[in-house]
C-alpha cells in the first residue's frame, strides 16, 4: 500500500497549546492535604486530549497511558 501524501502544511505545536487552571477541593486530597495522583493524571489526560484534538483537527485522536519509572 502506497503512503498517502498530504497537501496540508503541518501545524506548529504552539498552535495546539492549551492552559487550564483547576481548583483542587478537599475531596481531591488525602487527610494530609496532598492531592491524589489519580486526580492530577485525570486532568493531564483531559488537557492532552484537548491539545491532540486541536492539533489533529477532524481526525480521530487517542491519549495513551504513561509509564513512570
N, C-alpha and C. Protein backbone atom coordinates (compact mmCIF):
# COMPACT_ATOMS: atom_id res chain seq x y z
N UNK A 1 0.85 -1.17 0.00
CA UNK A 1 0.00 0.00 0.00
C UNK A 1 0.90 1.24 0.00
N UNK A 2 0.63 2.16 -0.89
CA UNK A 2 1.45 3.36 -1.02
C UNK A 2 1.13 4.34 0.12
N UNK A 3 2.15 5.07 0.52
CA UNK A 3 1.96 6.06 1.58
C UNK A 3 1.11 7.21 1.05
N UNK A 4 0.22 7.71 1.89
CA UNK A 4 -0.62 8.84 1.49
C UNK A 4 0.18 10.12 1.54
N UNK A 5 -0.07 10.99 0.59
CA UNK A 5 0.58 12.29 0.58
C UNK A 5 -0.43 13.33 1.04
N UNK A 6 -0.02 14.17 1.95
CA UNK A 6 -0.90 15.20 2.48
C UNK A 6 -0.51 16.53 1.88
N UNK A 7 -1.49 17.25 1.40
CA UNK A 7 -1.21 18.55 0.79
C UNK A 7 -1.22 19.68 1.80
N UNK A 8 -1.81 19.43 2.97
CA UNK A 8 -1.86 20.47 4.00
C UNK A 8 -0.51 20.61 4.70
N UNK A 9 -0.15 21.83 5.00
CA UNK A 9 1.06 22.06 5.78
C UNK A 9 0.80 21.66 7.22
N UNK A 10 1.80 21.16 7.90
CA UNK A 10 1.65 20.76 9.29
C UNK A 10 1.45 21.95 10.21
N UNK A 11 0.94 21.67 11.38
CA UNK A 11 0.75 22.71 12.39
C UNK A 11 1.96 22.77 13.30
N UNK A 12 2.25 23.94 13.78
CA UNK A 12 3.28 24.10 14.80
C UNK A 12 2.66 23.71 16.14
N UNK A 13 3.38 23.04 17.03
CA UNK A 13 2.80 22.63 18.32
C UNK A 13 2.17 23.79 19.11
N UNK A 14 2.72 24.98 18.98
CA UNK A 14 2.14 26.12 19.71
C UNK A 14 0.73 26.46 19.24
N UNK A 15 0.36 26.03 18.01
CA UNK A 15 -1.00 26.27 17.52
C UNK A 15 -2.03 25.44 18.27
N UNK A 16 -1.60 24.40 18.93
CA UNK A 16 -2.50 23.50 19.66
C UNK A 16 -2.38 23.64 21.17
N UNK A 17 -1.60 24.59 21.59
CA UNK A 17 -1.32 24.77 23.02
C UNK A 17 -2.59 25.12 23.80
N UNK A 18 -2.67 24.61 25.01
CA UNK A 18 -3.80 24.91 25.90
C UNK A 18 -3.28 25.05 27.32
N UNK A 19 -3.97 25.83 28.09
CA UNK A 19 -3.62 26.02 29.50
C UNK A 19 -4.90 25.94 30.31
N UNK A 20 -4.82 25.31 31.47
CA UNK A 20 -6.02 25.11 32.27
C UNK A 20 -5.66 25.34 33.74
N UNK A 21 -6.54 26.00 34.44
CA UNK A 21 -6.38 26.20 35.88
C UNK A 21 -7.52 25.47 36.57
N UNK A 22 -7.19 24.65 37.54
CA UNK A 22 -8.19 23.85 38.24
C UNK A 22 -8.03 24.05 39.74
N UNK A 23 -9.13 24.26 40.42
CA UNK A 23 -9.09 24.38 41.87
C UNK A 23 -9.31 22.98 42.46
N UNK A 24 -8.34 22.53 43.21
CA UNK A 24 -8.46 21.24 43.87
C UNK A 24 -9.29 21.42 45.14
N UNK A 25 -10.18 20.50 45.35
CA UNK A 25 -11.08 20.54 46.50
C UNK A 25 -10.61 19.56 47.57
N UNK A 26 -11.12 19.69 48.78
CA UNK A 26 -10.73 18.75 49.84
C UNK A 26 -11.00 17.29 49.46
N UNK A 27 -12.02 17.05 48.65
CA UNK A 27 -12.31 15.67 48.24
C UNK A 27 -11.26 15.11 47.27
N UNK A 28 -10.40 15.97 46.73
CA UNK A 28 -9.33 15.55 45.83
C UNK A 28 -8.04 15.21 46.57
N UNK A 29 -8.06 15.35 47.90
CA UNK A 29 -6.83 15.18 48.68
C UNK A 29 -7.02 14.18 49.82
N UNK A 30 -5.87 13.70 50.29
CA UNK A 30 -5.90 12.81 51.44
C UNK A 30 -5.96 13.66 52.72
N UNK A 31 -6.04 13.03 53.91
CA UNK A 31 -6.15 13.81 55.16
C UNK A 31 -4.97 14.76 55.42
N UNK A 32 -3.81 14.51 54.82
CA UNK A 32 -2.66 15.42 54.99
C UNK A 32 -2.69 16.59 54.03
N UNK A 33 -3.67 16.60 53.10
CA UNK A 33 -3.80 17.70 52.16
C UNK A 33 -3.09 17.50 50.84
N UNK A 34 -2.50 16.33 50.62
CA UNK A 34 -1.82 16.05 49.35
C UNK A 34 -2.84 15.57 48.33
N UNK A 35 -2.80 16.17 47.15
CA UNK A 35 -3.75 15.79 46.09
C UNK A 35 -3.40 14.39 45.59
N UNK A 36 -4.42 13.57 45.39
CA UNK A 36 -4.23 12.22 44.88
C UNK A 36 -3.63 12.27 43.47
N UNK A 37 -2.69 11.38 43.20
CA UNK A 37 -2.04 11.33 41.89
C UNK A 37 -3.02 11.05 40.77
N UNK A 38 -4.02 10.22 41.03
CA UNK A 38 -5.00 9.90 40.01
C UNK A 38 -5.81 11.11 39.57
N UNK A 39 -6.05 12.02 40.51
CA UNK A 39 -6.78 13.25 40.18
C UNK A 39 -5.94 14.11 39.24
N UNK A 40 -4.66 14.22 39.55
CA UNK A 40 -3.76 15.00 38.70
C UNK A 40 -3.67 14.38 37.32
N UNK A 41 -3.49 13.06 37.25
CA UNK A 41 -3.39 12.38 35.95
C UNK A 41 -4.67 12.50 35.14
N UNK A 42 -5.82 12.52 35.81
CA UNK A 42 -7.09 12.70 35.11
C UNK A 42 -7.10 14.04 34.38
N UNK A 43 -6.62 15.09 35.04
CA UNK A 43 -6.60 16.42 34.43
C UNK A 43 -5.54 16.51 33.35
N UNK A 44 -4.39 15.84 33.53
CA UNK A 44 -3.36 15.80 32.49
C UNK A 44 -3.94 15.13 31.24
N UNK A 45 -4.66 14.03 31.41
CA UNK A 45 -5.26 13.33 30.27
C UNK A 45 -6.30 14.21 29.58
N UNK A 46 -7.08 14.93 30.33
CA UNK A 46 -8.10 15.81 29.76
C UNK A 46 -7.47 16.89 28.88
N UNK A 47 -6.45 17.56 29.38
CA UNK A 47 -5.82 18.64 28.61
C UNK A 47 -5.01 18.06 27.44
N UNK A 48 -4.43 16.87 27.61
CA UNK A 48 -3.71 16.22 26.49
C UNK A 48 -4.68 15.90 25.36
N UNK A 49 -5.87 15.44 25.70
CA UNK A 49 -6.88 15.17 24.68
C UNK A 49 -7.32 16.43 23.96
N UNK A 50 -7.46 17.51 24.70
CA UNK A 50 -7.83 18.79 24.11
C UNK A 50 -6.77 19.26 23.12
N UNK A 51 -5.50 19.20 23.53
CA UNK A 51 -4.40 19.61 22.65
C UNK A 51 -4.33 18.71 21.41
N UNK A 52 -4.49 17.42 21.62
CA UNK A 52 -4.45 16.48 20.48
C UNK A 52 -5.57 16.78 19.49
N UNK A 53 -6.76 17.06 19.99
CA UNK A 53 -7.89 17.36 19.11
C UNK A 53 -7.65 18.66 18.35
N UNK A 54 -7.12 19.65 19.01
CA UNK A 54 -6.80 20.91 18.32
C UNK A 54 -5.76 20.67 17.23
N UNK A 55 -4.79 19.83 17.52
CA UNK A 55 -3.71 19.58 16.57
C UNK A 55 -4.18 18.72 15.40
N UNK A 56 -5.03 17.73 15.68
CA UNK A 56 -5.45 16.79 14.64
C UNK A 56 -6.62 17.30 13.81
N UNK A 57 -7.31 18.31 14.29
CA UNK A 57 -8.46 18.81 13.54
C UNK A 57 -9.60 17.81 13.58
N UNK A 58 -10.05 17.36 12.42
CA UNK A 58 -11.21 16.45 12.35
C UNK A 58 -10.81 14.99 12.48
N UNK A 59 -9.52 14.69 12.53
CA UNK A 59 -9.07 13.31 12.65
C UNK A 59 -9.36 12.76 14.04
N UNK A 60 -9.47 11.44 14.12
CA UNK A 60 -9.66 10.79 15.42
C UNK A 60 -8.37 10.88 16.23
N UNK A 61 -8.53 10.99 17.53
CA UNK A 61 -7.36 11.07 18.42
C UNK A 61 -7.53 10.08 19.57
N UNK A 62 -6.42 9.78 20.24
CA UNK A 62 -6.45 8.94 21.42
C UNK A 62 -5.30 9.36 22.32
N UNK A 63 -5.51 9.31 23.63
CA UNK A 63 -4.41 9.56 24.56
C UNK A 63 -3.96 8.20 25.07
N UNK A 64 -2.68 8.07 25.32
CA UNK A 64 -2.11 6.78 25.76
C UNK A 64 -1.68 6.88 27.22
N UNK A 65 -1.49 5.75 27.84
CA UNK A 65 -1.07 5.74 29.25
C UNK A 65 0.40 6.10 29.38
N UNK A 66 0.77 6.55 30.56
CA UNK A 66 2.17 6.90 30.84
C UNK A 66 2.74 5.87 31.81
N UNK A 67 3.98 5.48 31.59
CA UNK A 67 4.67 4.56 32.50
C UNK A 67 5.79 5.35 33.16
N UNK A 68 5.70 5.50 34.46
CA UNK A 68 6.72 6.25 35.21
C UNK A 68 7.67 5.27 35.90
N UNK A 69 8.95 5.50 35.77
CA UNK A 69 9.95 4.65 36.42
C UNK A 69 10.70 5.44 37.45
